[in-house]
Amino acid sequence: MLLALERDTKTLPLENPPLTYAKLNDTHQKMRQKQLEILRAKTPEQRMQLAIAQSVYLINLSRTELEQKMSKVEAKIQWVRVNYGKQLAEQYRQALITKEQQA
């Protein structure tokens, strides 16, 4: 299936220079409208549960990919590094070491 690349002309509220971003979209417009209709019919609680479930799924998927390349603990640290930065990853590593020493 080919992905259609749409240019969004909106700019992010940043100072110089303004950034433009592109959205990848391979969903037919009628299906996208139906998805929005279904989503809008949900309660805020249902939408939040859906967002959390999708986030958990994607986090687990990305961690699984890393775990195929390194130990489970190193994969967790690497995941934090990729998503939150080196400083937080090192703090997480130290927390894991401290927890292990206390056990």
N, C-alpha and C. Protein backbone atom coordinates (compact mmCIF):
# COMPACT_ATOMS: atom_id res chain seq x y z
N MET A 1 0.84 -1.17 0.00
CA MET A 1 0.00 0.00 0.00
C MET A 1 0.89 1.24 0.00
N LEU A 2 0.59 2.18 -0.84
CA LEU A 2 1.38 3.40 -0.92
C LEU A 2 0.87 4.42 0.09
N LEU A 3 1.78 5.13 0.68
CA LEU A 3 1.42 6.19 1.61
C LEU A 3 1.37 7.51 0.87
N ALA A 4 0.30 8.23 1.08
CA ALA A 4 0.20 9.56 0.48
C ALA A 4 0.81 10.56 1.45
N LEU A 5 1.68 11.40 0.98
CA LEU A 5 2.31 12.39 1.82
C LEU A 5 1.58 13.71 1.63
N GLU A 6 0.95 14.17 2.72
CA GLU A 6 0.22 15.43 2.66
C GLU A 6 1.05 16.50 3.34
N ARG A 7 1.12 17.66 2.76
CA ARG A 7 1.81 18.79 3.38
C ARG A 7 0.80 19.55 4.21
N ASP A 8 1.12 19.75 5.44
CA ASP A 8 0.29 20.57 6.31
C ASP A 8 0.93 21.95 6.34
N THR A 9 0.18 22.95 6.03
CA THR A 9 0.74 24.29 5.95
C THR A 9 0.79 24.99 7.30
N LYS A 10 0.28 24.34 8.34
CA LYS A 10 0.33 24.94 9.67
C LYS A 10 1.78 25.03 10.13
N THR A 11 2.05 25.98 10.95
CA THR A 11 3.38 26.07 11.54
C THR A 11 3.27 25.83 13.03
N LEU A 12 4.28 25.24 13.58
CA LEU A 12 4.33 25.03 15.02
C LEU A 12 4.61 26.35 15.70
N PRO A 13 4.08 26.57 16.89
CA PRO A 13 4.28 27.87 17.56
C PRO A 13 5.68 28.00 18.14
N LEU A 14 6.65 28.05 17.27
CA LEU A 14 8.05 28.20 17.69
C LEU A 14 8.60 29.48 17.08
N GLU A 15 9.64 29.97 17.69
CA GLU A 15 10.27 31.17 17.13
C GLU A 15 11.08 30.77 15.91
N ASN A 16 11.97 31.59 15.47
CA ASN A 16 12.68 31.43 14.21
C ASN A 16 13.35 30.08 14.08
N PRO A 17 13.33 29.44 12.97
CA PRO A 17 12.36 29.65 11.91
C PRO A 17 11.10 28.84 12.20
N PRO A 18 9.96 29.22 11.67
CA PRO A 18 8.77 28.42 11.90
C PRO A 18 8.92 27.06 11.22
N LEU A 19 8.47 26.03 11.88
CA LEU A 19 8.60 24.67 11.34
C LEU A 19 7.30 24.26 10.68
N THR A 20 7.41 23.60 9.55
CA THR A 20 6.24 22.99 8.95
C THR A 20 6.41 21.49 9.12
N TYR A 21 5.32 20.79 9.12
CA TYR A 21 5.40 19.35 9.28
C TYR A 21 4.48 18.66 8.28
N ALA A 22 4.82 17.43 7.99
CA ALA A 22 4.05 16.63 7.04
C ALA A 22 3.35 15.52 7.78
N LYS A 23 2.19 15.13 7.28
CA LYS A 23 1.46 14.01 7.86
C LYS A 23 1.42 12.88 6.84
N LEU A 24 1.78 11.68 7.27
CA LEU A 24 1.63 10.51 6.42
C LEU A 24 0.21 10.01 6.59
N ASN A 25 -0.44 9.69 5.50
CA ASN A 25 -1.81 9.24 5.60
C ASN A 25 -2.10 8.21 4.52
N ASP A 26 -2.40 6.98 4.92
CA ASP A 26 -2.75 5.96 3.96
C ASP A 26 -4.20 5.51 4.16
N THR A 27 -4.99 6.29 4.88
CA THR A 27 -6.38 5.97 5.15
C THR A 27 -7.28 6.73 4.18
N HIS A 28 -8.19 6.02 3.56
CA HIS A 28 -9.13 6.65 2.65
C HIS A 28 -9.95 7.70 3.40
N GLN A 29 -10.26 8.80 2.73
CA GLN A 29 -10.93 9.92 3.38
C GLN A 29 -12.26 9.52 4.01
N LYS A 30 -13.05 8.66 3.36
CA LYS A 30 -14.33 8.22 3.94
C LYS A 30 -14.12 7.41 5.21
N MET A 31 -13.09 6.58 5.20
CA MET A 31 -12.79 5.77 6.39
C MET A 31 -12.29 6.66 7.52
N ARG A 32 -11.48 7.65 7.18
CA ARG A 32 -10.98 8.58 8.19
C ARG A 32 -12.14 9.34 8.82
N GLN A 33 -13.11 9.76 8.01
CA GLN A 33 -14.28 10.46 8.54
C GLN A 33 -15.09 9.55 9.46
N LYS A 34 -15.23 8.28 9.08
CA LYS A 34 -15.96 7.31 9.92
C LYS A 34 -15.23 7.09 11.24
N GLN A 35 -13.90 6.98 11.18
CA GLN A 35 -13.12 6.81 12.40
C GLN A 35 -13.32 8.00 13.34
N LEU A 36 -13.30 9.21 12.78
CA LEU A 36 -13.51 10.40 13.61
C LEU A 36 -14.92 10.41 14.21
N GLU A 37 -15.89 10.00 13.42
CA GLU A 37 -17.27 9.93 13.92
C GLU A 37 -17.37 8.97 15.11
N ILE A 38 -16.75 7.82 14.98
CA ILE A 38 -16.77 6.82 16.06
C ILE A 38 -16.04 7.36 17.29
N LEU A 39 -14.90 7.98 17.06
CA LEU A 39 -14.12 8.53 18.17
C LEU A 39 -14.87 9.64 18.89
N ARG A 40 -15.50 10.51 18.15
CA ARG A 40 -16.25 11.62 18.75
C ARG A 40 -17.45 11.14 19.55
N ALA A 41 -17.98 9.96 19.21
CA ALA A 41 -19.13 9.42 19.93
C ALA A 41 -18.72 8.82 21.28
N LYS A 42 -17.44 8.58 21.47
CA LYS A 42 -16.95 8.00 22.73
C LYS A 42 -16.90 9.07 23.82
N THR A 43 -17.00 8.60 25.05
CA THR A 43 -16.87 9.50 26.20
C THR A 43 -15.40 9.87 26.36
N PRO A 44 -15.11 10.96 27.08
CA PRO A 44 -13.70 11.29 27.35
C PRO A 44 -12.96 10.12 28.01
N GLU A 45 -13.62 9.42 28.92
CA GLU A 45 -12.98 8.28 29.58
C GLU A 45 -12.63 7.18 28.57
N GLN A 46 -13.54 6.90 27.66
CA GLN A 46 -13.28 5.88 26.65
C GLN A 46 -12.13 6.29 25.73
N ARG A 47 -12.09 7.57 25.36
CA ARG A 47 -11.00 8.06 24.51
C ARG A 47 -9.66 7.97 25.24
N MET A 48 -9.66 8.28 26.53
CA MET A 48 -8.43 8.19 27.31
C MET A 48 -7.97 6.73 27.41
N GLN A 49 -8.90 5.82 27.66
CA GLN A 49 -8.55 4.40 27.73
C GLN A 49 -7.96 3.91 26.42
N LEU A 50 -8.53 4.35 25.31
CA LEU A 50 -8.02 3.98 23.99
C LEU A 50 -6.61 4.53 23.78
N ALA A 51 -6.40 5.79 24.15
CA ALA A 51 -5.07 6.40 24.00
C ALA A 51 -4.03 5.67 24.84
N ILE A 52 -4.39 5.33 26.07
CA ILE A 52 -3.46 4.61 26.95
C ILE A 52 -3.16 3.24 26.38
N ALA A 53 -4.18 2.53 25.92
CA ALA A 53 -3.97 1.18 25.36
C ALA A 53 -3.06 1.24 24.14
N GLN A 54 -3.26 2.23 23.27
CA GLN A 54 -2.41 2.35 22.09
C GLN A 54 -0.98 2.71 22.48
N SER A 55 -0.82 3.57 23.48
CA SER A 55 0.52 3.94 23.94
C SER A 55 1.25 2.73 24.51
N VAL A 56 0.57 1.96 25.34
CA VAL A 56 1.17 0.77 25.93
C VAL A 56 1.59 -0.21 24.84
N TYR A 57 0.73 -0.39 23.85
CA TYR A 57 1.03 -1.30 22.74
C TYR A 57 2.30 -0.85 22.00
N LEU A 58 2.37 0.43 21.67
CA LEU A 58 3.52 0.93 20.92
C LEU A 58 4.81 0.91 21.74
N ILE A 59 4.71 1.21 23.03
CA ILE A 59 5.89 1.14 23.89
C ILE A 59 6.40 -0.29 23.95
N ASN A 60 5.49 -1.24 24.16
CA ASN A 60 5.90 -2.65 24.21
C ASN A 60 6.49 -3.11 22.88
N LEU A 61 5.92 -2.66 21.78
CA LEU A 61 6.43 -3.02 20.47
C LEU A 61 7.86 -2.51 20.27
N SER A 62 8.10 -1.26 20.66
CA SER A 62 9.44 -0.70 20.49
C SER A 62 10.44 -1.35 21.45
N ARG A 63 10.01 -1.68 22.65
CA ARG A 63 10.90 -2.37 23.59
C ARG A 63 11.23 -3.76 23.11
N THR A 64 10.26 -4.46 22.54
CA THR A 64 10.49 -5.80 22.03
C THR A 64 11.56 -5.78 20.95
N GLU A 65 11.52 -4.78 20.10
CA GLU A 65 12.53 -4.64 19.05
C GLU A 65 13.92 -4.50 19.67
N LEU A 66 14.04 -3.66 20.70
CA LEU A 66 15.34 -3.47 21.35
C LEU A 66 15.79 -4.75 22.07
N GLU A 67 14.84 -5.46 22.69
CA GLU A 67 15.19 -6.66 23.45
C GLU A 67 15.73 -7.77 22.55
N GLN A 68 15.46 -7.69 21.26
CA GLN A 68 16.01 -8.68 20.33
C GLN A 68 17.49 -8.42 20.08
N LYS A 69 17.95 -7.20 20.42
CA LYS A 69 19.32 -6.81 20.15
C LYS A 69 20.20 -6.76 21.39
N MET A 70 19.59 -6.75 22.58
CA MET A 70 20.36 -6.60 23.82
C MET A 70 19.57 -7.19 24.98
N SER A 71 20.15 -7.18 26.17
CA SER A 71 19.45 -7.72 27.34
C SER A 71 18.21 -6.88 27.64
N LYS A 72 17.30 -7.46 28.40
CA LYS A 72 16.05 -6.78 28.73
C LYS A 72 16.31 -5.48 29.49
N VAL A 73 17.24 -5.52 30.44
CA VAL A 73 17.55 -4.33 31.23
C VAL A 73 18.19 -3.26 30.35
N GLU A 74 19.17 -3.65 29.54
CA GLU A 74 19.80 -2.68 28.64
C GLU A 74 18.80 -2.13 27.63
N ALA A 75 17.86 -2.95 27.20
CA ALA A 75 16.83 -2.49 26.28
C ALA A 75 15.97 -1.41 26.92
N LYS A 76 15.62 -1.60 28.19
CA LYS A 76 14.82 -0.59 28.90
C LYS A 76 15.59 0.73 29.00
N ILE A 77 16.87 0.62 29.33
CA ILE A 77 17.71 1.83 29.45
C ILE A 77 17.84 2.52 28.09
N GLN A 78 18.07 1.74 27.06
CA GLN A 78 18.20 2.29 25.71
C GLN A 78 16.89 2.95 25.27
N TRP A 79 15.76 2.33 25.63
CA TRP A 79 14.46 2.89 25.28
C TRP A 79 14.28 4.26 25.94
N VAL A 80 14.66 4.36 27.21
CA VAL A 80 14.57 5.65 27.90
C VAL A 80 15.49 6.66 27.23
N ARG A 81 16.70 6.24 26.85
CA ARG A 81 17.66 7.14 26.19
C ARG A 81 17.07 7.68 24.88
N VAL A 82 16.50 6.81 24.09
CA VAL A 82 15.96 7.22 22.79
C VAL A 82 14.77 8.16 22.97
N ASN A 83 13.93 7.89 23.94
CA ASN A 83 12.69 8.65 24.08
C ASN A 83 12.78 9.85 25.01
N TYR A 84 13.71 9.81 25.97
CA TYR A 84 13.75 10.88 26.97
C TYR A 84 15.13 11.52 27.14
N GLY A 85 16.14 10.96 26.50
CA GLY A 85 17.45 11.57 26.55
C GLY A 85 18.45 10.82 27.42
N LYS A 86 19.71 11.15 27.20
CA LYS A 86 20.83 10.47 27.85
C LYS A 86 20.83 10.68 29.36
N GLN A 87 20.56 11.91 29.80
CA GLN A 87 20.61 12.21 31.23
C GLN A 87 19.60 11.37 32.01
N LEU A 88 18.38 11.31 31.54
CA LEU A 88 17.37 10.52 32.24
C LEU A 88 17.69 9.03 32.17
N ALA A 89 18.25 8.59 31.06
CA ALA A 89 18.63 7.18 30.93
C ALA A 89 19.69 6.80 31.95
N GLU A 90 20.65 7.69 32.18
CA GLU A 90 21.69 7.42 33.18
C GLU A 90 21.10 7.41 34.60
N GLN A 91 20.17 8.31 34.86
CA GLN A 91 19.49 8.31 36.16
C GLN A 91 18.71 7.01 36.35
N TYR A 92 18.08 6.55 35.29
CA TYR A 92 17.33 5.29 35.35
C TYR A 92 18.28 4.12 35.61
N ARG A 93 19.43 4.13 34.92
CA ARG A 93 20.43 3.07 35.13
C ARG A 93 20.87 3.04 36.60
N GLN A 94 21.15 4.21 37.16
CA GLN A 94 21.56 4.29 38.56
C GLN A 94 20.46 3.80 39.50
N ALA A 95 19.22 4.14 39.19
CA ALA A 95 18.09 3.68 40.01
C ALA A 95 17.98 2.16 39.97
N LEU A 96 18.20 1.58 38.81
CA LEU A 96 18.15 0.12 38.69
C LEU A 96 19.28 -0.53 39.48
N ILE A 97 20.47 0.06 39.43
CA ILE A 97 21.61 -0.47 40.19
C ILE A 97 21.32 -0.40 41.68
N THR A 98 20.81 0.73 42.14
CA THR A 98 20.48 0.91 43.57
C THR A 98 19.42 -0.10 43.99
N LYS A 99 18.41 -0.28 43.17
CA LYS A 99 17.34 -1.23 43.49
C LYS A 99 17.88 -2.65 43.59
N GLU A 100 18.78 -3.00 42.67
CA GLU A 100 19.38 -4.33 42.67
C GLU A 100 20.25 -4.55 43.91
N GLN A 101 20.97 -3.52 44.31
CA GLN A 101 21.82 -3.63 45.49
C GLN A 101 21.01 -3.78 46.78
N GLN A 102 19.83 -3.19 46.80
CA GLN A 102 18.98 -3.25 48.00
C GLN A 102 18.24 -4.58 48.09
N ALA A 103 18.15 -5.29 47.00
CA ALA A 103 17.41 -6.55 46.98
C ALA A 103 18.17 -7.69 47.63
